[in-house]
PDB file of N, CA and C in Angstrom:
ATOM      1  N   MET A   1      37.934 -51.052  19.947  1.00  0.00           N
ATOM      2  CA  MET A   1      38.825 -50.235  19.127  1.00  0.00           C
ATOM      3  C   MET A   1      39.805 -49.497  20.028  1.00  0.00           C
ATOM      4  N   TRP A   2      41.063 -49.516  19.653  1.00  0.00           N
ATOM      5  CA  TRP A   2      42.071 -48.806  20.449  1.00  0.00           C
ATOM      6  C   TRP A   2      42.279 -47.418  19.867  1.00  0.00           C
ATOM      7  N   GLU A   3      42.819 -46.577  20.697  1.00  0.00           N
ATOM      8  CA  GLU A   3      43.089 -45.220  20.242  1.00  0.00           C
ATOM      9  C   GLU A   3      44.456 -45.167  19.577  1.00  0.00           C
ATOM     10  N   VAL A   4      44.634 -44.134  18.787  1.00  0.00           N
ATOM     11  CA  VAL A   4      45.944 -43.923  18.181  1.00  0.00           C
ATOM     12  C   VAL A   4      46.925 -43.626  19.310  1.00  0.00           C
ATOM     13  N   ALA A   5      48.054 -44.288  19.262  1.00  0.00           N
ATOM     14  CA  ALA A   5      49.049 -44.120  20.316  1.00  0.00           C
ATOM     15  C   ALA A   5      50.367 -43.654  19.715  1.00  0.00           C
ATOM     16  N   LYS A   6      51.204 -43.121  20.584  1.00  0.00           N
ATOM     17  CA  LYS A   6      52.563 -42.754  20.191  1.00  0.00           C
ATOM     18  C   LYS A   6      53.470 -43.892  20.640  1.00  0.00           C
ATOM     19  N   ILE A   7      54.150 -44.487  19.670  1.00  0.00           N
ATOM     20  CA  ILE A   7      55.012 -45.629  19.957  1.00  0.00           C
ATOM     21  C   ILE A   7      56.450 -45.276  19.582  1.00  0.00           C
ATOM     22  N   LEU A   8      57.356 -45.551  20.517  1.00  0.00           N
ATOM     23  CA  LEU A   8      58.781 -45.323  20.279  1.00  0.00           C
ATOM     24  C   LEU A   8      59.471 -46.675  20.133  1.00  0.00           C
ATOM     25  N   VAL A   9      60.146 -46.882  19.015  1.00  0.00           N
ATOM     26  CA  VAL A   9      60.881 -48.118  18.749  1.00  0.00           C
ATOM     27  C   VAL A   9      62.365 -47.832  18.958  1.00  0.00           C
ATOM     28  N   VAL A  10      62.990 -48.575  19.884  1.00  0.00           N
ATOM     29  CA  VAL A  10      64.404 -48.369  20.195  1.00  0.00           C
ATOM     30  C   VAL A  10      65.157 -49.671  19.918  1.00  0.00           C
ATOM     31  N   ASP A  11      65.957 -49.665  18.859  1.00  0.00           N
ATOM     32  CA  ASP A  11      66.719 -50.860  18.502  1.00  0.00           C
ATOM     33  C   ASP A  11      67.907 -50.419  17.662  1.00  0.00           C
ATOM     34  N   ASP A  12      69.066 -51.029  17.901  1.00  0.00           N
ATOM     35  CA  ASP A  12      70.246 -50.640  17.130  1.00  0.00           C
ATOM     36  C   ASP A  12      70.238 -51.247  15.726  1.00  0.00           C
ATOM     37  N   GLN A  13      69.348 -52.185  15.458  1.00  0.00           N
ATOM     38  CA  GLN A  13      69.257 -52.786  14.122  1.00  0.00           C
ATOM     39  C   GLN A  13      68.218 -52.043  13.289  1.00  0.00           C
ATOM     40  N   LEU A  14      68.687 -51.445  12.207  1.00  0.00           N
ATOM     41  CA  LEU A  14      67.807 -50.670  11.341  1.00  0.00           C
ATOM     42  C   LEU A  14      66.645 -51.508  10.815  1.00  0.00           C
ATOM     43  N   GLY A  15      66.913 -52.747  10.452  1.00  0.00           N
ATOM     44  CA  GLY A  15      65.862 -53.619   9.923  1.00  0.00           C
ATOM     45  C   GLY A  15      64.714 -53.807  10.896  1.00  0.00           C
ATOM     46  N   VAL A  16      65.048 -54.007  12.160  1.00  0.00           N
ATOM     47  CA  VAL A  16      64.029 -54.189  13.195  1.00  0.00           C
ATOM     48  C   VAL A  16      63.251 -52.889  13.389  1.00  0.00           C
ATOM     49  N   ARG A  17      63.978 -51.768  13.455  1.00  0.00           N
ATOM     50  CA  ARG A  17      63.296 -50.473  13.609  1.00  0.00           C
ATOM     51  C   ARG A  17      62.319 -50.242  12.467  1.00  0.00           C
ATOM     52  N   ARG A  18      62.785 -50.476  11.241  1.00  0.00           N
ATOM     53  CA  ARG A  18      61.959 -50.262  10.061  1.00  0.00           C
ATOM     54  C   ARG A  18      60.701 -51.123  10.080  1.00  0.00           C
ATOM     55  N   LEU A  19      60.898 -52.409  10.393  1.00  0.00           N
ATOM     56  CA  LEU A  19      59.787 -53.365  10.435  1.00  0.00           C
ATOM     57  C   LEU A  19      58.717 -52.907  11.433  1.00  0.00           C
ATOM     58  N   LEU A  20      59.148 -52.549  12.628  1.00  0.00           N
ATOM     59  CA  LEU A  20      58.196 -52.136  13.661  1.00  0.00           C
ATOM     60  C   LEU A  20      57.571 -50.788  13.325  1.00  0.00           C
ATOM     61  N   PHE A  21      58.357 -49.896  12.744  1.00  0.00           N
ATOM     62  CA  PHE A  21      57.854 -48.589  12.322  1.00  0.00           C
ATOM     63  C   PHE A  21      56.708 -48.789  11.325  1.00  0.00           C
ATOM     64  N   GLU A  22      56.962 -49.580  10.286  1.00  0.00           N
ATOM     65  CA  GLU A  22      55.950 -49.822   9.247  1.00  0.00           C
ATOM     66  C   GLU A  22      54.723 -50.520   9.814  1.00  0.00           C
ATOM     67  N   THR A  23      54.963 -51.522  10.656  1.00  0.00           N
ATOM     68  CA  THR A  23      53.861 -52.299  11.243  1.00  0.00           C
ATOM     69  C   THR A  23      52.889 -51.415  12.007  1.00  0.00           C
ATOM     70  N   PHE A  24      53.426 -50.559  12.868  1.00  0.00           N
ATOM     71  CA  PHE A  24      52.542 -49.754  13.715  1.00  0.00           C
ATOM     72  C   PHE A  24      52.024 -48.508  13.009  1.00  0.00           C
ATOM     73  N   ARG A  25      52.731 -48.048  11.984  1.00  0.00           N
ATOM     74  CA  ARG A  25      52.200 -46.959  11.154  1.00  0.00           C
ATOM     75  C   ARG A  25      50.966 -47.445  10.386  1.00  0.00           C
ATOM     76  N   GLU A  26      51.025 -48.695   9.918  1.00  0.00           N
ATOM     77  CA  GLU A  26      49.880 -49.294   9.213  1.00  0.00           C
ATOM     78  C   GLU A  26      48.632 -49.281  10.088  1.00  0.00           C
ATOM     79  N   GLU A  27      48.841 -49.373  11.394  1.00  0.00           N
ATOM     80  CA  GLU A  27      47.713 -49.370  12.330  1.00  0.00           C
ATOM     81  C   GLU A  27      47.395 -47.951  12.801  1.00  0.00           C
ATOM     82  N   GLN A  28      47.907 -46.975  12.075  1.00  0.00           N
ATOM     83  CA  GLN A  28      47.605 -45.553  12.287  1.00  0.00           C
ATOM     84  C   GLN A  28      48.234 -44.936  13.529  1.00  0.00           C
ATOM     85  N   HIS A  29      49.191 -45.624  14.139  1.00  0.00           N
ATOM     86  CA  HIS A  29      49.860 -45.042  15.304  1.00  0.00           C
ATOM     87  C   HIS A  29      50.927 -44.056  14.846  1.00  0.00           C
ATOM     88  N   GLU A  30      51.272 -43.140  15.741  1.00  0.00           N
ATOM     89  CA  GLU A  30      52.411 -42.250  15.500  1.00  0.00           C
ATOM     90  C   GLU A  30      53.640 -43.015  15.984  1.00  0.00           C
ATOM     91  N   VAL A  31      54.633 -43.143  15.134  1.00  0.00           N
ATOM     92  CA  VAL A  31      55.808 -43.938  15.496  1.00  0.00           C
ATOM     93  C   VAL A  31      57.086 -43.132  15.278  1.00  0.00           C
ATOM     94  N   GLU A  32      57.974 -43.201  16.261  1.00  0.00           N
ATOM     95  CA  GLU A  32      59.306 -42.614  16.135  1.00  0.00           C
ATOM     96  C   GLU A  32      60.311 -43.727  16.382  1.00  0.00           C
ATOM     97  N   MET A  33      61.515 -43.557  15.834  1.00  0.00           N
ATOM     98  CA  MET A  33      62.556 -44.572  15.989  1.00  0.00           C
ATOM     99  C   MET A  33      63.810 -43.978  16.617  1.00  0.00           C
ATOM    100  N   ALA A  34      64.453 -44.786  17.461  1.00  0.00           N
ATOM    101  CA  ALA A  34      65.733 -44.398  18.051  1.00  0.00           C
ATOM    102  C   ALA A  34      66.703 -45.556  17.865  1.00  0.00           C
ATOM    103  N   ALA A  35      67.946 -45.226  17.522  1.00  0.00           N
ATOM    104  CA  ALA A  35      68.960 -46.250  17.272  1.00  0.00           C
ATOM    105  C   ALA A  35      69.700 -46.654  18.550  1.00  0.00           C
ATOM    106  N   ASP A  36      69.572 -45.825  19.606  1.00  0.00           N
ATOM    107  CA  ASP A  36      70.281 -46.137  20.848  1.00  0.00           C
ATOM    108  C   ASP A  36      69.588 -45.466  22.033  1.00  0.00           C
ATOM    109  N   GLY A  37      70.122 -45.738  23.215  1.00  0.00           N
ATOM    110  CA  GLY A  37      69.524 -45.231  24.439  1.00  0.00           C
ATOM    111  C   GLY A  37      69.499 -43.714  24.532  1.00  0.00           C
ATOM    112  N   GLU A  38      70.589 -43.079  24.103  1.00  0.00           N
ATOM    113  CA  GLU A  38      70.645 -41.614  24.196  1.00  0.00           C
ATOM    114  C   GLU A  38      69.566 -40.967  23.332  1.00  0.00           C
ATOM    115  N   GLU A  39      69.410 -41.500  22.114  1.00  0.00           N
ATOM    116  CA  GLU A  39      68.379 -40.986  21.216  1.00  0.00           C
ATOM    117  C   GLU A  39      66.991 -41.239  21.814  1.00  0.00           C
ATOM    118  N   ALA A  40      66.834 -42.397  22.453  1.00  0.00           N
ATOM    119  CA  ALA A  40      65.551 -42.748  23.075  1.00  0.00           C
ATOM    120  C   ALA A  40      65.172 -41.745  24.165  1.00  0.00           C
ATOM    121  N   ILE A  41      66.154 -41.344  24.973  1.00  0.00           N
ATOM    122  CA  ILE A  41      65.889 -40.387  26.057  1.00  0.00           C
ATOM    123  C   ILE A  41      65.466 -39.034  25.475  1.00  0.00           C
ATOM    124  N   LEU A  42      66.149 -38.597  24.424  1.00  0.00           N
ATOM    125  CA  LEU A  42      65.779 -37.327  23.775  1.00  0.00           C
ATOM    126  C   LEU A  42      64.348 -37.396  23.230  1.00  0.00           C
ATOM    127  N   LEU A  43      64.019 -38.523  22.598  1.00  0.00           N
ATOM    128  CA  LEU A  43      62.679 -38.680  22.028  1.00  0.00           C
ATOM    129  C   LEU A  43      61.619 -38.830  23.116  1.00  0.00           C
ATOM    130  N   LEU A  44      61.995 -39.434  24.240  1.00  0.00           N
ATOM    131  CA  LEU A  44      61.060 -39.555  25.356  1.00  0.00           C
ATOM    132  C   LEU A  44      60.586 -38.161  25.773  1.00  0.00           C
ATOM    133  N   LYS A  45      61.528 -37.234  25.846  1.00  0.00           N
ATOM    134  CA  LYS A  45      61.204 -35.865  26.268  1.00  0.00           C
ATOM    135  C   LYS A  45      60.417 -35.111  25.191  1.00  0.00           C
ATOM    136  N   ALA A  46      60.814 -35.274  23.920  1.00  0.00           N
ATOM    137  CA  ALA A  46      60.199 -34.499  22.838  1.00  0.00           C
ATOM    138  C   ALA A  46      58.899 -35.115  22.320  1.00  0.00           C
ATOM    139  N   PHE A  47      58.891 -36.430  22.161  1.00  0.00           N
ATOM    140  CA  PHE A  47      57.777 -37.140  21.524  1.00  0.00           C
ATOM    141  C   PHE A  47      56.723 -37.591  22.535  1.00  0.00           C
ATOM    142  N   LYS A  48      57.142 -37.848  23.777  1.00  0.00           N
ATOM    143  CA  LYS A  48      56.266 -38.314  24.847  1.00  0.00           C
ATOM    144  C   LYS A  48      55.427 -39.537  24.424  1.00  0.00           C
ATOM    145  N   PRO A  49      56.110 -40.671  24.206  1.00  0.00           N
ATOM    146  CA  PRO A  49      55.400 -41.869  23.745  1.00  0.00           C
ATOM    147  C   PRO A  49      54.481 -42.467  24.807  1.00  0.00           C
ATOM    148  N   ASP A  50      53.477 -43.209  24.331  1.00  0.00           N
ATOM    149  CA  ASP A  50      52.581 -43.969  25.217  1.00  0.00           C
ATOM    150  C   ASP A  50      53.171 -45.344  25.494  1.00  0.00           C
ATOM    151  N   LEU A  51      53.973 -45.813  24.531  1.00  0.00           N
ATOM    152  CA  LEU A  51      54.536 -47.155  24.628  1.00  0.00           C
ATOM    153  C   LEU A  51      55.914 -47.163  23.975  1.00  0.00           C
ATOM    154  N   ILE A  52      56.856 -47.883  24.601  1.00  0.00           N
ATOM    155  CA  ILE A  52      58.208 -48.005  24.064  1.00  0.00           C
ATOM    156  C   ILE A  52      58.508 -49.480  23.829  1.00  0.00           C
ATOM    157  N   LEU A  53      58.964 -49.790  22.625  1.00  0.00           N
ATOM    158  CA  LEU A  53      59.429 -51.139  22.294  1.00  0.00           C
ATOM    159  C   LEU A  53      60.942 -51.034  22.222  1.00  0.00           C
ATOM    160  N   MET A  54      61.638 -51.714  23.143  1.00  0.00           N
ATOM    161  CA  MET A  54      63.080 -51.477  23.248  1.00  0.00           C
ATOM    162  C   MET A  54      63.891 -52.760  23.301  1.00  0.00           C
ATOM    163  N   ASP A  55      64.992 -52.739  22.551  1.00  0.00           N
ATOM    164  CA  ASP A  55      65.939 -53.845  22.546  1.00  0.00           C
ATOM    165  C   ASP A  55      66.744 -53.816  23.838  1.00  0.00           C
ATOM    166  N   MET A  56      67.089 -55.003  24.328  1.00  0.00           N
ATOM    167  CA  MET A  56      67.868 -55.100  25.556  1.00  0.00           C
ATOM    168  C   MET A  56      69.350 -54.826  25.290  1.00  0.00           C
ATOM    169  N   LYS A  57      69.877 -55.387  24.213  1.00  0.00           N
ATOM    170  CA  LYS A  57      71.307 -55.269  23.915  1.00  0.00           C
ATOM    171  C   LYS A  57      71.535 -54.207  22.849  1.00  0.00           C
ATOM    172  N   MET A  58      72.136 -53.103  23.248  1.00  0.00           N
ATOM    173  CA  MET A  58      72.452 -52.026  22.311  1.00  0.00           C
ATOM    174  C   MET A  58      73.842 -51.502  22.645  1.00  0.00           C
ATOM    175  N   PRO A  59      74.565 -50.999  21.643  1.00  0.00           N
ATOM    176  CA  PRO A  59      75.873 -50.404  21.943  1.00  0.00           C
ATOM    177  C   PRO A  59      75.684 -49.130  22.769  1.00  0.00           C
ATOM    178  N   GLY A  60      76.699 -48.786  23.528  1.00  0.00           N
ATOM    179  CA  GLY A  60      76.570 -47.606  24.393  1.00  0.00           C
ATOM    180  C   GLY A  60      75.718 -47.974  25.597  1.00  0.00           C
ATOM    181  N   MET A  61      74.624 -47.253  25.779  1.00  0.00           N
ATOM    182  CA  MET A  61      73.714 -47.547  26.892  1.00  0.00           C
ATOM    183  C   MET A  61      72.905 -48.797  26.585  1.00  0.00           C
ATOM    184  N   SER A  62      72.916 -49.759  27.493  1.00  0.00           N
ATOM    185  CA  SER A  62      72.122 -50.967  27.290  1.00  0.00           C
ATOM    186  C   SER A  62      70.633 -50.652  27.482  1.00  0.00           C
ATOM    187  N   GLY A  63      69.803 -51.612  27.135  1.00  0.00           N
ATOM    188  CA  GLY A  63      68.365 -51.448  27.338  1.00  0.00           C
ATOM    189  C   GLY A  63      68.026 -51.214  28.809  1.00  0.00           C
ATOM    190  N   ILE A  64      68.730 -51.931  29.699  1.00  0.00           N
ATOM    191  CA  ILE A  64      68.478 -51.776  31.141  1.00  0.00           C
ATOM    192  C   ILE A  64      68.865 -50.370  31.608  1.00  0.00           C
ATOM    193  N   GLU A  65      70.036 -49.898  31.180  1.00  0.00           N
ATOM    194  CA  GLU A  65      70.462 -48.546  31.560  1.00  0.00           C
ATOM    195  C   GLU A  65      69.492 -47.503  31.009  1.00  0.00           C
ATOM    196  N   THR A  66      69.079 -47.713  29.766  1.00  0.00           N
ATOM    197  CA  THR A  66      68.129 -46.782  29.148  1.00  0.00           C
ATOM    198  C   THR A  66      66.805 -46.812  29.898  1.00  0.00           C
ATOM    199  N   LEU A  67      66.366 -48.011  30.246  1.00  0.00           N
ATOM    200  CA  LEU A  67      65.103 -48.159  30.984  1.00  0.00           C
ATOM    201  C   LEU A  67      65.177 -47.434  32.330  1.00  0.00           C
ATOM    202  N   GLY A  68      66.333 -47.529  32.989  1.00  0.00           N
ATOM    203  CA  GLY A  68      66.519 -46.824  34.263  1.00  0.00           C
ATOM    204  C   GLY A  68      66.366 -45.321  34.087  1.00  0.00           C
ATOM    205  N   GLN A  69      66.943 -44.789  33.024  1.00  0.00           N
ATOM    206  CA  GLN A  69      66.835 -43.349  32.757  1.00  0.00           C
ATOM    207  C   GLN A  69      65.406 -42.963  32.367  1.00  0.00           C
ATOM    208  N   ILE A  70      64.761 -43.838  31.598  1.00  0.00           N
ATOM    209  CA  ILE A  70      63.363 -43.581  31.214  1.00  0.00           C
ATOM    210  C   ILE A  70      62.502 -43.494  32.472  1.00  0.00           C
ATOM    211  N   ARG A  71      62.707 -44.440  33.388  1.00  0.00           N
ATOM    212  CA  ARG A  71      61.911 -44.462  34.622  1.00  0.00           C
ATOM    213  C   ARG A  71      62.187 -43.234  35.495  1.00  0.00           C
ATOM    214  N   ALA A  72      63.395 -42.729  35.451  1.00  0.00           N
ATOM    215  CA  ALA A  72      63.720 -41.523  36.225  1.00  0.00           C
ATOM    216  C   ALA A  72      62.932 -40.324  35.696  1.00  0.00           C
ATOM    217  N   LEU A  73      62.600 -40.351  34.403  1.00  0.00           N
ATOM    218  CA  LEU A  73      61.880 -39.238  33.780  1.00  0.00           C
ATOM    219  C   LEU A  73      60.377 -39.474  33.694  1.00  0.00           C
ATOM    220  N   ASP A  74      59.979 -40.739  33.588  1.00  0.00           N
ATOM    221  CA  ASP A  74      58.571 -41.058  33.353  1.00  0.00           C
ATOM    222  C   ASP A  74      58.247 -42.430  33.939  1.00  0.00           C
ATOM    223  N   HIS A  75      57.424 -42.441  34.985  1.00  0.00           N
ATOM    224  CA  HIS A  75      57.063 -43.714  35.626  1.00  0.00           C
ATOM    225  C   HIS A  75      55.909 -44.397  34.914  1.00  0.00           C
ATOM    226  N   GLN A  76      55.173 -43.656  34.090  1.00  0.00           N
ATOM    227  CA  GLN A  76      53.932 -44.157  33.505  1.00  0.00           C
ATOM    228  C   GLN A  76      54.095 -44.875  32.174  1.00  0.00           C
ATOM    229  N   VAL A  77      55.043 -44.458  31.361  1.00  0.00           N
ATOM    230  CA  VAL A  77      55.130 -44.982  29.996  1.00  0.00           C
ATOM    231  C   VAL A  77      55.317 -46.506  30.000  1.00  0.00           C
ATOM    232  N   GLY A  78      54.555 -47.176  29.134  1.00  0.00           N
ATOM    233  CA  GLY A  78      54.648 -48.624  29.027  1.00  0.00           C
ATOM    234  C   GLY A  78      55.887 -49.021  28.241  1.00  0.00           C
ATOM    235  N   VAL A  79      56.546 -50.103  28.664  1.00  0.00           N
ATOM    236  CA  VAL A  79      57.749 -50.555  27.970  1.00  0.00           C
ATOM    237  C   VAL A  79      57.671 -52.057  27.719  1.00  0.00           C
ATOM    238  N   ILE A  80      57.944 -52.439  26.472  1.00  0.00           N
ATOM    239  CA  ILE A  80      58.096 -53.849  26.108  1.00  0.00           C
ATOM    240  C   ILE A  80      59.573 -54.029  25.754  1.00  0.00           C
ATOM    241  N   MET A  81      60.234 -54.966  26.425  1.00  0.00           N
ATOM    242  CA  MET A  81      61.645 -55.241  26.146  1.00  0.00           C
ATOM    243  C   MET A  81      61.750 -56.402  25.171  1.00  0.00           C
ATOM    244  N   MET A  82      62.701 -56.271  24.237  1.00  0.00           N
ATOM    245  CA  MET A  82      62.940 -57.333  23.257  1.00  0.00           C
ATOM    246  C   MET A  82      64.397 -57.743  23.347  1.00  0.00           C
ATOM    247  N   THR A  83      64.651 -59.061  23.321  1.00  0.00           N
ATOM    248  CA  THR A  83      66.038 -59.503  23.334  1.00  0.00           C
ATOM    249  C   THR A  83      66.199 -60.881  22.727  1.00  0.00           C
ATOM    250  N   ALA A  84      67.346 -61.080  22.108  1.00  0.00           N
ATOM    251  CA  ALA A  84      67.677 -62.396  21.560  1.00  0.00           C
ATOM    252  C   ALA A  84      68.375 -63.236  22.619  1.00  0.00           C
ATOM    253  N   TYR A  85      68.715 -62.609  23.733  1.00  0.00           N
ATOM    254  CA  TYR A  85      69.455 -63.295  24.784  1.00  0.00           C
ATOM    255  C   TYR A  85      68.562 -63.436  26.008  1.00  0.00           C
ATOM    256  N   GLY A  86      68.235 -64.665  26.376  1.00  0.00           N
ATOM    257  CA  GLY A  86      67.378 -64.884  27.548  1.00  0.00           C
ATOM    258  C   GLY A  86      68.157 -64.709  28.829  1.00  0.00           C
ATOM    259  N   ASP A  87      68.577 -63.510  29.094  1.00  0.00           N
ATOM    260  CA  ASP A  87      69.400 -63.197  30.257  1.00  0.00           C
ATOM    261  C   ASP A  87      68.518 -62.988  31.486  1.00  0.00           C
ATOM    262  N   ALA A  88      68.459 -64.009  32.335  1.00  0.00           N
ATOM    263  CA  ALA A  88      67.555 -63.990  33.496  1.00  0.00           C
ATOM    264  C   ALA A  88      67.807 -62.800  34.424  1.00  0.00           C
ATOM    265  N   GLN A  89      69.076 -62.478  34.663  1.00  0.00           N
ATOM    266  CA  GLN A  89      69.408 -61.372  35.571  1.00  0.00           C
ATOM    267  C   GLN A  89      68.884 -60.044  35.014  1.00  0.00           C
ATOM    268  N   ASN A  90      69.118 -59.813  33.718  1.00  0.00           N
ATOM    269  CA  ASN A  90      68.614 -58.591  33.097  1.00  0.00           C
ATOM    270  C   ASN A  90      67.102 -58.543  33.103  1.00  0.00           C
ATOM    271  N   MET A  91      66.460 -59.688  32.906  1.00  0.00           N
ATOM    272  CA  MET A  91      64.997 -59.705  32.884  1.00  0.00           C
ATOM    273  C   MET A  91      64.443 -59.338  34.257  1.00  0.00           C
ATOM    274  N   GLU A  92      65.084 -59.836  35.317  1.00  0.00           N
ATOM    275  CA  GLU A  92      64.647 -59.488  36.671  1.00  0.00           C
ATOM    276  C   GLU A  92      64.771 -57.983  36.898  1.00  0.00           C
ATOM    277  N   GLN A  93      65.899 -57.425  36.451  1.00  0.00           N
ATOM    278  CA  GLN A  93      66.129 -55.988  36.572  1.00  0.00           C
ATOM    279  C   GLN A  93      65.057 -55.220  35.799  1.00  0.00           C
ATOM    280  N   ALA A  94      64.774 -55.693  34.591  1.00  0.00           N
ATOM    281  CA  ALA A  94      63.767 -55.034  33.748  1.00  0.00           C
ATOM    282  C   ALA A  94      62.401 -55.090  34.411  1.00  0.00           C
ATOM    283  N   LYS A  95      62.081 -56.229  35.011  1.00  0.00           N
ATOM    284  CA  LYS A  95      60.779 -56.354  35.694  1.00  0.00           C
ATOM    285  C   LYS A  95      60.715 -55.405  36.891  1.00  0.00           C
ATOM    286  N   ASP A  96      61.834 -55.305  37.607  1.00  0.00           N
ATOM    287  CA  ASP A  96      61.892 -54.381  38.746  1.00  0.00           C
ATOM    288  C   ASP A  96      61.660 -52.938  38.288  1.00  0.00           C
ATOM    289  N   LEU A  97      62.061 -52.633  37.056  1.00  0.00           N
ATOM    290  CA  LEU A  97      61.894 -51.287  36.506  1.00  0.00           C
ATOM    291  C   LEU A  97      60.540 -51.135  35.806  1.00  0.00           C
ATOM    292  N   GLY A  98      59.706 -52.141  35.951  1.00  0.00           N
ATOM    293  CA  GLY A  98      58.317 -52.007  35.523  1.00  0.00           C
ATOM    294  C   GLY A  98      58.036 -52.177  34.046  1.00  0.00           C
ATOM    295  N   ILE A  99      58.624 -53.203  33.418  1.00  0.00           N
ATOM    296  CA  ILE A  99      58.258 -53.440  32.024  1.00  0.00           C
ATOM    297  C   ILE A  99      56.904 -54.149  31.978  1.00  0.00           C
ATOM    298  N   LEU A 100      56.190 -53.986  30.886  1.00  0.00           N
ATOM    299  CA  LEU A 100      54.890 -54.611  30.723  1.00  0.00           C
ATOM    300  C   LEU A 100      55.005 -56.012  30.155  1.00  0.00           C
ATOM    301  N   HIS A 101      56.000 -56.212  29.309  1.00  0.00           N
ATOM    302  CA  HIS A 101      56.115 -57.492  28.620  1.00  0.00           C
ATOM    303  C   HIS A 101      57.540 -57.683  28.150  1.00  0.00           C
ATOM    304  N   TYR A 102      57.913 -58.946  28.012  1.00  0.00           N
ATOM    305  CA  TYR A 102      59.239 -59.311  27.544  1.00  0.00           C
ATOM    306  C   TYR A 102      59.074 -60.185  26.318  1.00  0.00           C
ATOM    307  N   LEU A 103      59.785 -59.884  25.269  1.00  0.00           N
ATOM    308  CA  LEU A 103      59.638 -60.589  24.007  1.00  0.00           C
ATOM    309  C   LEU A 103      60.990 -61.099  23.534  1.00  0.00           C
ATOM    310  N   GLY A 104      61.076 -62.382  23.238  1.00  0.00           N
ATOM    311  CA  GLY A 104      62.308 -62.941  22.696  1.00  0.00           C
ATOM    312  C   GLY A 104      62.412 -62.651  21.208  1.00  0.00           C
ATOM    313  N   LYS A 105      63.645 -62.483  20.735  1.00  0.00           N
ATOM    314  CA  LYS A 105      63.883 -62.299  19.304  1.00  0.00           C
ATOM    315  C   LYS A 105      64.419 -63.614  18.744  1.00  0.00           C
ATOM    316  N   PRO A 106      64.096 -64.000  17.540  1.00  0.00           N
ATOM    317  CA  PRO A 106      63.174 -63.276  16.656  1.00  0.00           C
ATOM    318  C   PRO A 106      61.748 -63.400  17.187  1.00  0.00           C
ATOM    319  N   PHE A 107      60.989 -62.329  17.094  1.00  0.00           N
ATOM    320  CA  PHE A 107      59.640 -62.345  17.640  1.00  0.00           C
ATOM    321  C   PHE A 107      58.619 -62.581  16.533  1.00  0.00           C
ATOM    322  N   ASP A 108      57.447 -63.006  16.977  1.00  0.00           N
ATOM    323  CA  ASP A 108      56.324 -63.191  16.070  1.00  0.00           C
ATOM    324  C   ASP A 108      55.625 -61.842  15.966  1.00  0.00           C
ATOM    325  N   LEU A 109      55.613 -61.278  14.776  1.00  0.00           N
ATOM    326  CA  LEU A 109      55.049 -59.945  14.585  1.00  0.00           C
ATOM    327  C   LEU A 109      53.566 -59.887  14.952  1.00  0.00           C
ATOM    328  N   PHE A 110      52.837 -60.950  14.649  1.00  0.00           N
ATOM    329  CA  PHE A 110      51.406 -60.976  14.977  1.00  0.00           C
ATOM    330  C   PHE A 110      51.198 -60.987  16.486  1.00  0.00           C
ATOM    331  N   GLU A 111      52.051 -61.740  17.191  1.00  0.00           N
ATOM    332  CA  GLU A 111      51.981 -61.793  18.656  1.00  0.00           C
ATOM    333  C   GLU A 111      52.280 -60.416  19.236  1.00  0.00           C
ATOM    334  N   LEU A 112      53.306 -59.758  18.685  1.00  0.00           N
ATOM    335  CA  LEU A 112      53.674 -58.426  19.163  1.00  0.00           C
ATOM    336  C   LEU A 112      52.534 -57.431  18.926  1.00  0.00           C
ATOM    337  N   ARG A 113      51.938 -57.468  17.731  1.00  0.00           N
ATOM    338  CA  ARG A 113      50.832 -56.552  17.429  1.00  0.00           C
ATOM    339  C   ARG A 113      49.665 -56.777  18.390  1.00  0.00           C
ATOM    340  N   GLU A 114      49.395 -58.041  18.681  1.00  0.00           N
ATOM    341  CA  GLU A 114      48.301 -58.390  19.593  1.00  0.00           C
ATOM    342  C   GLU A 114      48.599 -57.870  21.001  1.00  0.00           C
ATOM    343  N   ARG A 115      49.832 -58.072  21.450  1.00  0.00           N
ATOM    344  CA  ARG A 115      50.246 -57.622  22.788  1.00  0.00           C
ATOM    345  C   ARG A 115      50.131 -56.096  22.889  1.00  0.00           C
ATOM    346  N   VAL A 116      50.596 -55.390  21.862  1.00  0.00           N
ATOM    347  CA  VAL A 116      50.523 -53.924  21.847  1.00  0.00           C
ATOM    348  C   VAL A 116      49.059 -53.489  21.876  1.00  0.00           C
ATOM    349  N   ARG A 117      48.233 -54.166  21.113  1.00  0.00           N
ATOM    350  CA  ARG A 117      46.798 -53.843  21.082  1.00  0.00           C
ATOM    351  C   ARG A 117      46.188 -54.001  22.478  1.00  0.00           C
ATOM    352  N   GLU A 118      46.533 -55.117  23.147  1.00  0.00           N
ATOM    353  CA  GLU A 118      46.018 -55.360  24.508  1.00  0.00           C
ATOM    354  C   GLU A 118      46.449 -54.251  25.453  1.00  0.00           C
ATOM    355  N   ILE A 119      47.721 -53.897  25.386  1.00  0.00           N
ATOM    356  CA  ILE A 119      48.265 -52.861  26.288  1.00  0.00           C
ATOM    357  C   ILE A 119      47.576 -51.519  26.032  1.00  0.00           C
ATOM    358  N   LEU A 120      47.425 -51.173  24.763  1.00  0.00           N
ATOM    359  CA  LEU A 120      46.831 -49.875  24.429  1.00  0.00           C
ATOM    360  C   LEU A 120      45.337 -49.827  24.738  1.00  0.00           C
ATOM    361  N   THR A 121      44.678 -50.974  24.695  1.00  0.00           N
ATOM    362  CA  THR A 121      43.255 -51.026  25.019  1.00  0.00           C
ATOM    363  C   THR A 121      43.051 -50.810  26.509  1.00  0.00           C
ATOM    364  N   LYS A 122      43.990 -51.315  27.324  1.00  0.00           N
ATOM    365  CA  LYS A 122      43.897 -51.158  28.791  1.00  0.00           C
ATOM    366  C   LYS A 122      44.286 -49.763  29.241  1.00  0.00           C
ATOM    367  N   ALA A 123      45.135 -49.111  28.471  1.00  0.00           N
ATOM    368  CA  ALA A 123      45.695 -47.805  28.881  1.00  0.00           C
ATOM    369  C   ALA A 123      44.632 -46.771  29.112  1.00  0.00           C
TER     370      ALA A 123
END
């Protein structure tokens, strides 16, 4: 059994945020949503998530830029990056910044739930 975790969903698409919000709320986690990198940084400080699910491509600050700022504030928080674009250079950068997992979009919700469960069980 995993513990209740704080999960931050960062995606510029409302539909994706909503889907992930509902999915992880059903599993009794505390979930917050951010539409962009700036909002994510504010929530990182206020909400202090255990895990962040973040889109790579967002207007304004990209997922990589946001991840860099997240790492400057918190080296421990787990991050799963999601992207519809298999951008090898960005993925290398993301790995260098310590992501736990990379997920292509559209993603399999069951696979994502399983991956999150594994990560939270190890935490």
